[in-house]
N, C-alpha and C. Protein backbone atom coordinates (compact mmCIF):
# COMPACT_ATOMS: atom_id res chain seq x y z
N UNK A 1 0.86 -1.18 0.00
CA UNK A 1 0.00 0.00 0.00
C UNK A 1 0.90 1.24 0.00
N UNK A 2 0.58 2.19 -0.86
CA UNK A 2 1.36 3.42 -0.87
C UNK A 2 0.46 4.60 -0.50
N UNK A 3 1.06 5.77 -0.43
CA UNK A 3 0.34 6.96 0.03
C UNK A 3 -0.83 7.32 -0.88
N UNK A 4 -0.69 7.11 -2.19
CA UNK A 4 -1.79 7.46 -3.09
C UNK A 4 -3.04 6.62 -2.83
N UNK A 5 -2.84 5.36 -2.40
CA UNK A 5 -3.98 4.50 -2.07
C UNK A 5 -4.78 5.06 -0.89
N UNK A 6 -4.11 5.81 -0.03
CA UNK A 6 -4.78 6.40 1.13
C UNK A 6 -5.36 7.78 0.82
N UNK A 7 -5.17 8.26 -0.41
CA UNK A 7 -5.66 9.59 -0.76
C UNK A 7 -4.73 10.68 -0.27
N UNK A 8 -3.51 10.31 0.07
CA UNK A 8 -2.52 11.26 0.58
C UNK A 8 -1.37 11.35 -0.41
N UNK A 9 -0.96 12.56 -0.70
CA UNK A 9 0.24 12.71 -1.51
C UNK A 9 1.08 13.83 -0.93
N UNK A 10 2.37 13.72 -1.16
CA UNK A 10 3.32 14.68 -0.61
C UNK A 10 4.15 15.27 -1.74
N UNK A 11 4.37 16.57 -1.65
CA UNK A 11 5.36 17.22 -2.49
C UNK A 11 5.82 18.48 -1.79
N UNK A 12 7.03 18.90 -2.08
CA UNK A 12 7.56 20.13 -1.49
C UNK A 12 8.66 20.67 -2.38
N UNK A 13 9.04 21.91 -2.11
CA UNK A 13 10.09 22.57 -2.88
C UNK A 13 11.18 23.04 -1.92
N UNK A 14 12.43 22.92 -2.37
CA UNK A 14 13.58 23.36 -1.57
C UNK A 14 14.55 24.10 -2.47
N UNK A 15 15.27 25.10 -1.99
CA UNK A 15 15.30 25.60 -0.63
C UNK A 15 14.05 26.44 -0.34
N UNK A 16 13.78 26.63 0.93
CA UNK A 16 12.64 27.44 1.36
C UNK A 16 12.96 28.93 1.38
N UNK A 17 14.26 29.23 1.54
CA UNK A 17 14.67 30.63 1.61
C UNK A 17 16.01 30.78 0.89
N UNK A 18 16.12 31.86 0.11
CA UNK A 18 17.36 32.18 -0.59
C UNK A 18 17.71 33.61 -0.24
N UNK A 19 18.93 33.80 0.29
CA UNK A 19 19.40 35.14 0.63
C UNK A 19 20.78 35.30 0.02
N UNK A 20 20.93 36.29 -0.86
CA UNK A 20 22.20 36.51 -1.54
C UNK A 20 22.53 38.00 -1.54
N UNK A 21 23.80 38.29 -1.79
CA UNK A 21 24.24 39.66 -1.99
C UNK A 21 24.10 40.00 -3.46
N UNK A 22 23.59 41.16 -3.75
CA UNK A 22 23.40 41.60 -5.14
C UNK A 22 24.73 41.54 -5.87
N UNK A 23 24.67 41.14 -7.13
CA UNK A 23 25.89 41.00 -7.92
C UNK A 23 25.62 41.47 -9.35
N UNK A 24 26.67 41.90 -10.00
CA UNK A 24 26.56 42.25 -11.42
C UNK A 24 26.61 41.01 -12.29
N UNK A 25 26.98 39.86 -11.69
CA UNK A 25 27.05 38.61 -12.43
C UNK A 25 25.70 37.90 -12.32
N UNK A 26 25.39 37.16 -13.33
CA UNK A 26 24.15 36.39 -13.32
C UNK A 26 24.22 35.30 -12.25
N UNK A 27 23.19 35.22 -11.43
CA UNK A 27 23.14 34.19 -10.39
C UNK A 27 21.87 33.37 -10.57
N UNK A 28 21.98 32.09 -10.29
CA UNK A 28 20.79 31.24 -10.31
C UNK A 28 20.92 30.17 -9.23
N UNK A 29 19.78 29.75 -8.71
CA UNK A 29 19.72 28.71 -7.69
C UNK A 29 18.68 27.70 -8.16
N UNK A 30 19.07 26.42 -8.35
CA UNK A 30 18.09 25.43 -8.79
C UNK A 30 17.12 25.07 -7.66
N UNK A 31 15.86 24.95 -8.02
CA UNK A 31 14.86 24.47 -7.07
C UNK A 31 14.81 22.95 -7.15
N UNK A 32 14.64 22.33 -6.01
CA UNK A 32 14.54 20.88 -5.93
C UNK A 32 13.13 20.52 -5.50
N UNK A 33 12.48 19.69 -6.29
CA UNK A 33 11.12 19.25 -5.97
C UNK A 33 11.19 17.85 -5.39
N UNK A 34 10.60 17.67 -4.23
CA UNK A 34 10.57 16.36 -3.57
C UNK A 34 9.14 15.85 -3.59
N UNK A 35 8.99 14.55 -3.60
CA UNK A 35 7.66 13.95 -3.60
C UNK A 35 7.09 13.89 -5.00
N UNK A 36 5.77 13.86 -5.08
CA UNK A 36 5.09 13.71 -6.36
C UNK A 36 4.01 14.76 -6.52
N UNK A 37 4.30 15.85 -7.25
CA UNK A 37 3.25 16.84 -7.53
C UNK A 37 2.15 16.21 -8.39
N UNK A 38 0.96 16.82 -8.36
CA UNK A 38 -0.17 16.30 -9.13
C UNK A 38 0.04 16.42 -10.63
N UNK A 39 0.67 17.52 -11.05
CA UNK A 39 0.83 17.77 -12.48
C UNK A 39 2.06 18.60 -12.75
N UNK A 40 2.00 19.33 -13.84
CA UNK A 40 3.12 20.19 -14.23
C UNK A 40 3.20 21.40 -13.29
N UNK A 41 4.40 21.68 -12.83
CA UNK A 41 4.59 22.79 -11.89
C UNK A 41 4.43 24.13 -12.59
N UNK A 42 3.88 25.08 -11.85
CA UNK A 42 3.74 26.45 -12.32
C UNK A 42 4.37 27.36 -11.27
N UNK A 43 5.09 28.39 -11.77
CA UNK A 43 5.79 29.32 -10.88
C UNK A 43 5.23 30.72 -11.08
N UNK A 44 5.10 31.44 -9.97
CA UNK A 44 4.66 32.83 -10.02
C UNK A 44 5.50 33.63 -9.02
N UNK A 45 5.97 34.79 -9.45
CA UNK A 45 6.81 35.63 -8.60
C UNK A 45 6.08 36.93 -8.30
N UNK A 46 6.12 37.37 -7.06
CA UNK A 46 5.48 38.62 -6.68
C UNK A 46 6.18 39.80 -7.33
N UNK A 47 7.53 39.83 -7.31
CA UNK A 47 8.30 40.91 -7.93
C UNK A 47 9.40 40.32 -8.81
N UNK A 48 9.15 40.24 -10.10
CA UNK A 48 10.10 39.61 -11.01
C UNK A 48 11.34 40.45 -11.29
N UNK A 49 11.38 41.70 -10.80
CA UNK A 49 12.61 42.48 -10.94
C UNK A 49 13.66 42.05 -9.91
N UNK A 50 13.25 41.31 -8.90
CA UNK A 50 14.17 40.80 -7.88
C UNK A 50 14.55 39.35 -8.19
N UNK A 51 13.58 38.53 -8.56
CA UNK A 51 13.85 37.13 -8.88
C UNK A 51 12.71 36.56 -9.70
N UNK A 52 13.02 35.55 -10.51
CA UNK A 52 12.01 34.84 -11.28
C UNK A 52 12.51 33.42 -11.50
N UNK A 53 11.65 32.53 -11.97
CA UNK A 53 12.01 31.14 -12.20
C UNK A 53 11.98 30.89 -13.70
N UNK A 54 13.07 30.30 -14.21
CA UNK A 54 13.13 30.00 -15.65
C UNK A 54 12.45 28.67 -15.95
N UNK A 55 12.45 28.26 -17.21
CA UNK A 55 11.73 27.05 -17.64
C UNK A 55 12.35 25.77 -17.10
N UNK A 56 13.59 25.83 -16.59
CA UNK A 56 14.24 24.65 -16.01
C UNK A 56 14.09 24.57 -14.49
N UNK A 57 13.33 25.50 -13.91
CA UNK A 57 13.11 25.48 -12.47
C UNK A 57 14.25 26.09 -11.67
N UNK A 58 15.01 27.00 -12.29
CA UNK A 58 16.09 27.69 -11.58
C UNK A 58 15.64 29.10 -11.24
N UNK A 59 15.89 29.50 -10.00
CA UNK A 59 15.59 30.87 -9.58
C UNK A 59 16.68 31.76 -10.14
N UNK A 60 16.30 32.74 -10.92
CA UNK A 60 17.23 33.73 -11.47
C UNK A 60 17.10 34.98 -10.62
N UNK A 61 18.23 35.45 -10.16
CA UNK A 61 18.23 36.61 -9.27
C UNK A 61 18.56 37.86 -10.06
N UNK A 62 17.71 38.87 -9.93
CA UNK A 62 17.89 40.12 -10.64
C UNK A 62 18.96 40.99 -10.02
N UNK A 63 19.13 42.14 -10.59
CA UNK A 63 20.16 43.05 -10.10
C UNK A 63 19.60 44.05 -9.10
N UNK A 64 18.35 43.90 -8.73
CA UNK A 64 17.71 44.82 -7.80
C UNK A 64 17.66 44.21 -6.41
N UNK A 65 17.91 45.01 -5.39
CA UNK A 65 17.81 44.52 -4.02
C UNK A 65 16.35 44.54 -3.58
N UNK A 66 16.06 43.72 -2.60
CA UNK A 66 14.71 43.67 -2.06
C UNK A 66 14.33 42.24 -1.71
N UNK A 67 13.07 42.06 -1.41
CA UNK A 67 12.56 40.75 -1.03
C UNK A 67 11.32 40.43 -1.86
N UNK A 68 11.13 39.16 -2.14
CA UNK A 68 9.96 38.72 -2.89
C UNK A 68 9.64 37.28 -2.50
N UNK A 69 8.52 36.81 -2.98
CA UNK A 69 8.08 35.44 -2.74
C UNK A 69 7.85 34.79 -4.10
N UNK A 70 8.30 33.54 -4.22
CA UNK A 70 7.98 32.72 -5.39
C UNK A 70 6.97 31.69 -4.93
N UNK A 71 5.86 31.63 -5.66
CA UNK A 71 4.83 30.65 -5.36
C UNK A 71 4.93 29.52 -6.38
N UNK A 72 4.93 28.29 -5.88
CA UNK A 72 5.03 27.12 -6.74
C UNK A 72 3.73 26.33 -6.60
N UNK A 73 3.04 26.16 -7.72
CA UNK A 73 1.79 25.40 -7.75
C UNK A 73 2.05 24.05 -8.41
N UNK A 74 1.36 23.00 -7.96
CA UNK A 74 1.62 21.68 -8.51
C UNK A 74 0.69 21.28 -9.65
N UNK A 75 -0.18 22.19 -10.08
CA UNK A 75 -1.07 21.88 -11.20
C UNK A 75 -1.78 23.16 -11.64
N UNK A 76 -2.35 23.16 -12.83
CA UNK A 76 -3.08 24.35 -13.29
C UNK A 76 -4.27 24.73 -12.39
N UNK A 77 -4.80 23.78 -11.63
CA UNK A 77 -5.93 24.09 -10.75
C UNK A 77 -5.49 24.94 -9.56
N UNK A 78 -4.19 24.97 -9.29
CA UNK A 78 -3.60 25.80 -8.23
C UNK A 78 -4.21 25.55 -6.85
N UNK A 79 -4.56 24.31 -6.58
CA UNK A 79 -5.15 24.00 -5.27
C UNK A 79 -4.11 23.57 -4.23
N UNK A 80 -2.83 23.46 -4.65
CA UNK A 80 -1.76 23.13 -3.73
C UNK A 80 -0.58 24.05 -4.04
N UNK A 81 -0.03 24.69 -3.00
CA UNK A 81 0.99 25.73 -3.21
C UNK A 81 2.12 25.58 -2.19
N UNK A 82 3.32 25.93 -2.64
CA UNK A 82 4.49 26.01 -1.76
C UNK A 82 5.15 27.36 -2.01
N UNK A 83 5.92 27.84 -1.04
CA UNK A 83 6.52 29.17 -1.13
C UNK A 83 8.04 29.11 -0.98
N UNK A 84 8.72 30.02 -1.68
CA UNK A 84 10.16 30.21 -1.53
C UNK A 84 10.37 31.70 -1.27
N UNK A 85 11.03 32.02 -0.14
CA UNK A 85 11.34 33.41 0.20
C UNK A 85 12.66 33.79 -0.45
N UNK A 86 12.70 34.98 -1.05
CA UNK A 86 13.90 35.47 -1.71
C UNK A 86 14.28 36.82 -1.10
N UNK A 87 15.57 36.98 -0.78
CA UNK A 87 16.06 38.27 -0.32
C UNK A 87 17.39 38.55 -1.01
N UNK A 88 17.47 39.69 -1.69
CA UNK A 88 18.70 40.13 -2.32
C UNK A 88 19.13 41.40 -1.58
N UNK A 89 20.31 41.33 -0.96
CA UNK A 89 20.78 42.45 -0.15
C UNK A 89 21.93 43.17 -0.85
N UNK A 90 22.20 44.38 -0.41
CA UNK A 90 23.29 45.19 -0.96
C UNK A 90 24.57 44.93 -0.18
N UNK A 91 25.67 44.86 -0.88
CA UNK A 91 26.97 44.73 -0.24
C UNK A 91 27.43 46.13 0.18
N UNK A 92 27.90 46.26 1.40
CA UNK A 92 28.41 47.54 1.88
C UNK A 92 29.89 47.41 2.17
N UNK A 93 30.61 48.51 1.96
CA UNK A 93 32.01 48.54 2.34
C UNK A 93 32.96 47.92 1.33
N UNK A 94 32.75 48.20 0.07
CA UNK A 94 33.69 47.69 -0.92
C UNK A 94 32.97 47.15 -2.12
N UNK A 95 33.75 46.75 -3.11
CA UNK A 95 33.16 46.22 -4.33
C UNK A 95 32.33 47.27 -5.02
N UNK A 96 31.15 46.92 -5.45
CA UNK A 96 30.28 47.84 -6.16
C UNK A 96 29.28 48.50 -5.23
N UNK A 97 29.23 48.09 -3.96
CA UNK A 97 28.23 48.58 -3.02
C UNK A 97 28.49 50.00 -2.56
N UNK A 98 27.57 50.50 -1.80
CA UNK A 98 27.70 51.86 -1.26
C UNK A 98 28.77 51.87 -0.18
N UNK A 99 29.54 52.94 -0.07
CA UNK A 99 30.57 53.00 0.98
C UNK A 99 29.93 53.07 2.36
N UNK A 100 30.64 52.55 3.33
CA UNK A 100 30.16 52.56 4.72
C UNK A 100 30.37 53.92 5.33
């Protein structure tokens, strides 16, 4: 007997939180899906100028500082959702950041 026979299914997305320093170089973090989603995953970002998800499931980090949330749905019906918190901070005291 498996979980689907009981009407229970599990899926999740990792990492749950991504915090990076803003960079002029392109940065990406792959999302890892665990378990068995119902269907094809769909991604939605609150502020795509900070981060967005490409077609391969990698979080692309923009050049703008701030915080946003990525919502991951497991099917077009959007009845099951997981969240990824994103924070892009400014480097201070050197490099391209503002002086201290």
